[in-house]
Every structure is written in structure tokens, then in C-alpha cells.
Amino acid sequence: MAVPKRKTSKARRDKRRASNIKMNAPHLVECPSCHEKKMPHHVCLNCGKYNGAEVLAVEE
């Protein structure tokens, strides 16, 4: 049975594990009312609207 001869260091172990974790940029869509970029299915932080209705009171 194969047994490791030396201890695998934390750095070597973590380098191997980190190859599967990749960050992606968030997908952004255009707000239909103010045409600013926003996250999909989220309230627009610029105008405070979601699905055509005002949800947040935004101070201008």
C-alpha cells in the first residue's frame, strides 16, 4: 500500500485545492427606468425601483 514518505505542507495542499475555486465577475443588467447597471432580480440602488414599482425611497 502506498504511504506518503513526507508530510504535505499547508502551502502545497492549499495550492492544489485553490485550482478549483475561481471567482467570476457579477452579471449586470440595465435598469429599465434609469438605465444604470444593476444586479438581476435586485432593487436598483440608483432609482429604487424593482419590476417597474418604486420599492425604495432614494434621496437625490
PDB file of N, CA and C in Angstrom:
ATOM      1  N   MET A   1       0.846  -1.183   0.000  1.00  0.00           N
ATOM      2  CA  MET A   1       0.000   0.000   0.000  1.00  0.00           C
ATOM      3  C   MET A   1       0.887   1.241   0.000  1.00  0.00           C
ATOM      4  N   ALA A   2       0.542   2.211  -0.817  1.00  0.00           N
ATOM      5  CA  ALA A   2       1.347   3.424  -0.937  1.00  0.00           C
ATOM      6  C   ALA A   2       1.073   4.355   0.244  1.00  0.00           C
ATOM      7  N   VAL A   3       2.148   4.794   0.867  1.00  0.00           N
ATOM      8  CA  VAL A   3       2.059   5.698   2.012  1.00  0.00           C
ATOM      9  C   VAL A   3       2.972   6.878   1.734  1.00  0.00           C
ATOM     10  N   PRO A   4       2.527   8.131   2.018  1.00  0.00           N
ATOM     11  CA  PRO A   4       3.396   9.283   1.777  1.00  0.00           C
ATOM     12  C   PRO A   4       4.670   9.210   2.628  1.00  0.00           C
ATOM     13  N   LYS A   5       5.804   9.523   2.014  1.00  0.00           N
ATOM     14  CA  LYS A   5       7.076   9.486   2.726  1.00  0.00           C
ATOM     15  C   LYS A   5       7.290  10.747   3.547  1.00  0.00           C
ATOM     16  N   ARG A   6       6.769  11.878   3.077  1.00  0.00           N
ATOM     17  CA  ARG A   6       6.923  13.160   3.754  1.00  0.00           C
ATOM     18  C   ARG A   6       5.550  13.817   3.937  1.00  0.00           C
ATOM     19  N   LYS A   7       5.465  14.680   4.948  1.00  0.00           N
ATOM     20  CA  LYS A   7       4.241  15.439   5.187  1.00  0.00           C
ATOM     21  C   LYS A   7       4.044  16.455   4.060  1.00  0.00           C
ATOM     22  N   THR A   8       2.825  16.563   3.571  1.00  0.00           N
ATOM     23  CA  THR A   8       2.495  17.581   2.574  1.00  0.00           C
ATOM     24  C   THR A   8       2.281  18.897   3.304  1.00  0.00           C
ATOM     25  N   SER A   9       3.022  19.923   2.888  1.00  0.00           N
ATOM     26  CA  SER A   9       2.930  21.213   3.570  1.00  0.00           C
ATOM     27  C   SER A   9       1.573  21.869   3.309  1.00  0.00           C
ATOM     28  N   LYS A  10       1.215  22.816   4.177  1.00  0.00           N
ATOM     29  CA  LYS A  10      -0.057  23.528   4.024  1.00  0.00           C
ATOM     30  C   LYS A  10      -0.092  24.323   2.722  1.00  0.00           C
ATOM     31  N   ALA A  11       1.038  24.902   2.352  1.00  0.00           N
ATOM     32  CA  ALA A  11       1.088  25.696   1.128  1.00  0.00           C
ATOM     33  C   ALA A  11       0.853  24.811  -0.094  1.00  0.00           C
ATOM     34  N   ARG A  12       1.498  23.656  -0.146  1.00  0.00           N
ATOM     35  CA  ARG A  12       1.338  22.744  -1.284  1.00  0.00           C
ATOM     36  C   ARG A  12      -0.089  22.202  -1.349  1.00  0.00           C
ATOM     37  N   ARG A  13      -0.647  21.851  -0.182  1.00  0.00           N
ATOM     38  CA  ARG A  13      -2.020  21.350  -0.112  1.00  0.00           C
ATOM     39  C   ARG A  13      -3.019  22.413  -0.581  1.00  0.00           C
ATOM     40  N   ASP A  14      -2.850  23.663  -0.099  1.00  0.00           N
ATOM     41  CA  ASP A  14      -3.789  24.726  -0.432  1.00  0.00           C
ATOM     42  C   ASP A  14      -3.668  25.168  -1.878  1.00  0.00           C
ATOM     43  N   LYS A  15      -2.471  25.102  -2.453  1.00  0.00           N
ATOM     44  CA  LYS A  15      -2.313  25.417  -3.879  1.00  0.00           C
ATOM     45  C   LYS A  15      -3.095  24.436  -4.737  1.00  0.00           C
ATOM     46  N   ARG A  16      -3.074  23.183  -4.353  1.00  0.00           N
ATOM     47  CA  ARG A  16      -3.801  22.163  -5.091  1.00  0.00           C
ATOM     48  C   ARG A  16      -5.311  22.377  -4.973  1.00  0.00           C
ATOM     49  N   ARG A  17      -5.769  22.733  -3.793  1.00  0.00           N
ATOM     50  CA  ARG A  17      -7.203  22.933  -3.579  1.00  0.00           C
ATOM     51  C   ARG A  17      -7.720  24.214  -4.213  1.00  0.00           C
ATOM     52  N   ALA A  18      -6.870  25.228  -4.346  1.00  0.00           N
ATOM     53  CA  ALA A  18      -7.306  26.534  -4.851  1.00  0.00           C
ATOM     54  C   ALA A  18      -7.533  26.530  -6.353  1.00  0.00           C
ATOM     55  N   SER A  19      -7.103  25.497  -7.059  1.00  0.00           N
ATOM     56  CA  SER A  19      -7.255  25.486  -8.512  1.00  0.00           C
ATOM     57  C   SER A  19      -8.717  25.346  -8.925  1.00  0.00           C
ATOM     58  N   ASN A  20      -9.585  24.849  -8.025  1.00  0.00           N
ATOM     59  CA  ASN A  20     -10.995  24.660  -8.359  1.00  0.00           C
ATOM     60  C   ASN A  20     -11.837  25.878  -8.032  1.00  0.00           C
ATOM     61  N   ILE A  21     -11.298  26.810  -7.245  1.00  0.00           N
ATOM     62  CA  ILE A  21     -12.064  27.971  -6.804  1.00  0.00           C
ATOM     63  C   ILE A  21     -11.705  29.155  -7.699  1.00  0.00           C
ATOM     64  N   LYS A  22     -12.640  29.561  -8.537  1.00  0.00           N
ATOM     65  CA  LYS A  22     -12.394  30.695  -9.430  1.00  0.00           C
ATOM     66  C   LYS A  22     -13.547  31.679  -9.258  1.00  0.00           C
ATOM     67  N   MET A  23     -13.206  32.942  -9.074  1.00  0.00           N
ATOM     68  CA  MET A  23     -14.218  33.974  -8.907  1.00  0.00           C
ATOM     69  C   MET A  23     -14.623  34.511 -10.280  1.00  0.00           C
ATOM     70  N   ASN A  24     -15.910  34.755 -10.450  1.00  0.00           N
ATOM     71  CA  ASN A  24     -16.428  35.324 -11.686  1.00  0.00           C
ATOM     72  C   ASN A  24     -16.974  36.715 -11.393  1.00  0.00           C
ATOM     73  N   ALA A  25     -16.909  37.584 -12.386  1.00  0.00           N
ATOM     74  CA  ALA A  25     -17.479  38.914 -12.240  1.00  0.00           C
ATOM     75  C   ALA A  25     -18.999  38.787 -12.176  1.00  0.00           C
ATOM     76  N   PRO A  26     -19.671  39.610 -11.371  1.00  0.00           N
ATOM     77  CA  PRO A  26     -21.125  39.505 -11.277  1.00  0.00           C
ATOM     78  C   PRO A  26     -21.786  39.922 -12.580  1.00  0.00           C
ATOM     79  N   HIS A  27     -22.862  39.230 -12.928  1.00  0.00           N
ATOM     80  CA  HIS A  27     -23.609  39.535 -14.141  1.00  0.00           C
ATOM     81  C   HIS A  27     -24.464  40.774 -13.883  1.00  0.00           C
ATOM     82  N   LEU A  28     -24.344  41.781 -14.721  1.00  0.00           N
ATOM     83  CA  LEU A  28     -25.089  43.022 -14.538  1.00  0.00           C
ATOM     84  C   LEU A  28     -26.053  43.221 -15.705  1.00  0.00           C
ATOM     85  N   VAL A  29     -27.217  43.782 -15.400  1.00  0.00           N
ATOM     86  CA  VAL A  29     -28.211  44.118 -16.411  1.00  0.00           C
ATOM     87  C   VAL A  29     -28.530  45.605 -16.299  1.00  0.00           C
ATOM     88  N   GLU A  30     -29.175  46.131 -17.329  1.00  0.00           N
ATOM     89  CA  GLU A  30     -29.522  47.551 -17.348  1.00  0.00           C
ATOM     90  C   GLU A  30     -30.891  47.748 -16.705  1.00  0.00           C
ATOM     91  N   CYS A  31     -30.994  48.730 -15.826  1.00  0.00           N
ATOM     92  CA  CYS A  31     -32.270  49.082 -15.203  1.00  0.00           C
ATOM     93  C   CYS A  31     -33.175  49.682 -16.278  1.00  0.00           C
ATOM     94  N   PRO A  32     -34.413  49.208 -16.410  1.00  0.00           N
ATOM     95  CA  PRO A  32     -35.277  49.732 -17.473  1.00  0.00           C
ATOM     96  C   PRO A  32     -35.722  51.182 -17.273  1.00  0.00           C
ATOM     97  N   SER A  33     -35.686  51.686 -16.035  1.00  0.00           N
ATOM     98  CA  SER A  33     -36.166  53.049 -15.803  1.00  0.00           C
ATOM     99  C   SER A  33     -35.049  54.088 -15.847  1.00  0.00           C
ATOM    100  N   CYS A  34     -33.889  53.795 -15.237  1.00  0.00           N
ATOM    101  CA  CYS A  34     -32.826  54.807 -15.201  1.00  0.00           C
ATOM    102  C   CYS A  34     -31.604  54.414 -16.038  1.00  0.00           C
ATOM    103  N   HIS A  35     -31.600  53.209 -16.600  1.00  0.00           N
ATOM    104  CA  HIS A  35     -30.540  52.715 -17.497  1.00  0.00           C
ATOM    105  C   HIS A  35     -29.167  52.624 -16.834  1.00  0.00           C
ATOM    106  N   GLU A  36     -29.146  52.434 -15.512  1.00  0.00           N
ATOM    107  CA  GLU A  36     -27.894  52.171 -14.799  1.00  0.00           C
ATOM    108  C   GLU A  36     -27.712  50.662 -14.702  1.00  0.00           C
ATOM    109  N   LYS A  37     -26.476  50.239 -14.475  1.00  0.00           N
ATOM    110  CA  LYS A  37     -26.202  48.817 -14.308  1.00  0.00           C
ATOM    111  C   LYS A  37     -26.633  48.373 -12.910  1.00  0.00           C
ATOM    112  N   LYS A  38     -27.275  47.186 -12.816  1.00  0.00           N
ATOM    113  CA  LYS A  38     -27.714  46.645 -11.538  1.00  0.00           C
ATOM    114  C   LYS A  38     -27.657  45.129 -11.603  1.00  0.00           C
ATOM    115  N   MET A  39     -27.703  44.504 -10.431  1.00  0.00           N
ATOM    116  CA  MET A  39     -27.743  43.050 -10.363  1.00  0.00           C
ATOM    117  C   MET A  39     -29.137  42.576 -10.781  1.00  0.00           C
ATOM    118  N   PRO A  40     -29.235  41.455 -11.505  1.00  0.00           N
ATOM    119  CA  PRO A  40     -30.560  40.964 -11.889  1.00  0.00           C
ATOM    120  C   PRO A  40     -31.353  40.510 -10.664  1.00  0.00           C
ATOM    121  N   HIS A  41     -32.657  40.730 -10.665  1.00  0.00           N
ATOM    122  CA  HIS A  41     -33.575  40.361  -9.591  1.00  0.00           C
ATOM    123  C   HIS A  41     -33.258  41.101  -8.287  1.00  0.00           C
ATOM    124  N   HIS A  42     -32.709  42.308  -8.389  1.00  0.00           N
ATOM    125  CA  HIS A  42     -32.419  43.143  -7.227  1.00  0.00           C
ATOM    126  C   HIS A  42     -33.016  44.530  -7.468  1.00  0.00           C
ATOM    127  N   VAL A  43     -33.252  45.249  -6.382  1.00  0.00           N
ATOM    128  CA  VAL A  43     -33.728  46.629  -6.469  1.00  0.00           C
ATOM    129  C   VAL A  43     -32.601  47.496  -7.016  1.00  0.00           C
ATOM    130  N   CYS A  44     -32.919  48.410  -7.921  1.00  0.00           N
ATOM    131  CA  CYS A  44     -31.929  49.341  -8.451  1.00  0.00           C
ATOM    132  C   CYS A  44     -31.570  50.324  -7.344  1.00  0.00           C
ATOM    133  N   LEU A  45     -30.294  50.438  -7.045  1.00  0.00           N
ATOM    134  CA  LEU A  45     -29.859  51.332  -5.977  1.00  0.00           C
ATOM    135  C   LEU A  45     -29.846  52.783  -6.412  1.00  0.00           C
ATOM    136  N   ASN A  46     -29.895  53.030  -7.718  1.00  0.00           N
ATOM    137  CA  ASN A  46     -29.876  54.397  -8.227  1.00  0.00           C
ATOM    138  C   ASN A  46     -31.269  55.039  -8.163  1.00  0.00           C
ATOM    139  N   CYS A  47     -32.298  54.320  -8.624  1.00  0.00           N
ATOM    140  CA  CYS A  47     -33.643  54.900  -8.645  1.00  0.00           C
ATOM    141  C   CYS A  47     -34.591  54.264  -7.633  1.00  0.00           C
ATOM    142  N   GLY A  48     -34.244  53.115  -7.059  1.00  0.00           N
ATOM    143  CA  GLY A  48     -35.071  52.478  -6.041  1.00  0.00           C
ATOM    144  C   GLY A  48     -36.251  51.708  -6.579  1.00  0.00           C
ATOM    145  N   LYS A  49     -36.235  51.354  -7.865  1.00  0.00           N
ATOM    146  CA  LYS A  49     -37.368  50.646  -8.459  1.00  0.00           C
ATOM    147  C   LYS A  49     -37.031  49.177  -8.670  1.00  0.00           C
ATOM    148  N   TYR A  50     -38.078  48.336  -8.569  1.00  0.00           N
ATOM    149  CA  TYR A  50     -37.958  46.913  -8.873  1.00  0.00           C
ATOM    150  C   TYR A  50     -39.206  46.495  -9.628  1.00  0.00           C
ATOM    151  N   ASN A  51     -39.027  45.959 -10.810  1.00  0.00           N
ATOM    152  CA  ASN A  51     -40.118  45.482 -11.655  1.00  0.00           C
ATOM    153  C   ASN A  51     -41.127  46.606 -11.957  1.00  0.00           C
ATOM    154  N   GLY A  52     -40.625  47.819 -12.153  1.00  0.00           N
ATOM    155  CA  GLY A  52     -41.460  48.944 -12.524  1.00  0.00           C
ATOM    156  C   GLY A  52     -42.093  49.686 -11.367  1.00  0.00           C
ATOM    157  N   ALA A  53     -42.021  49.153 -10.148  1.00  0.00           N
ATOM    158  CA  ALA A  53     -42.629  49.807  -8.997  1.00  0.00           C
ATOM    159  C   ALA A  53     -41.542  50.345  -8.075  1.00  0.00           C
ATOM    160  N   GLU A  54     -41.804  51.504  -7.464  1.00  0.00           N
ATOM    161  CA  GLU A  54     -40.812  52.088  -6.547  1.00  0.00           C
ATOM    162  C   GLU A  54     -40.878  51.343  -5.208  1.00  0.00           C
ATOM    163  N   VAL A  55     -39.757  50.779  -4.821  1.00  0.00           N
ATOM    164  CA  VAL A  55     -39.682  49.982  -3.602  1.00  0.00           C
ATOM    165  C   VAL A  55     -38.911  50.724  -2.524  1.00  0.00           C
ATOM    166  N   LEU A  56     -37.842  51.421  -2.924  1.00  0.00           N
ATOM    167  CA  LEU A  56     -37.001  52.178  -2.003  1.00  0.00           C
ATOM    168  C   LEU A  56     -37.193  53.667  -2.228  1.00  0.00           C
ATOM    169  N   ALA A  57     -37.210  54.423  -1.162  1.00  0.00           N
ATOM    170  CA  ALA A  57     -37.211  55.880  -1.265  1.00  0.00           C
ATOM    171  C   ALA A  57     -35.764  56.326  -1.335  1.00  0.00           C
ATOM    172  N   VAL A  58     -35.313  56.789  -2.504  1.00  0.00           N
ATOM    173  CA  VAL A  58     -33.917  57.174  -2.713  1.00  0.00           C
ATOM    174  C   VAL A  58     -33.822  58.695  -2.624  1.00  0.00           C
ATOM    175  N   GLU A  59     -32.923  59.167  -1.773  1.00  0.00           N
ATOM    176  CA  GLU A  59     -32.704  60.613  -1.669  1.00  0.00           C
ATOM    177  C   GLU A  59     -31.832  61.069  -2.835  1.00  0.00           C
ATOM    178  N   GLU A  60     -32.192  62.153  -3.456  1.00  0.00           N
ATOM    179  CA  GLU A  60     -31.455  62.653  -4.610  1.00  0.00           C
ATOM    180  C   GLU A  60     -30.623  63.852  -4.254  1.00  0.00           C
TER     181      GLU A  60
END
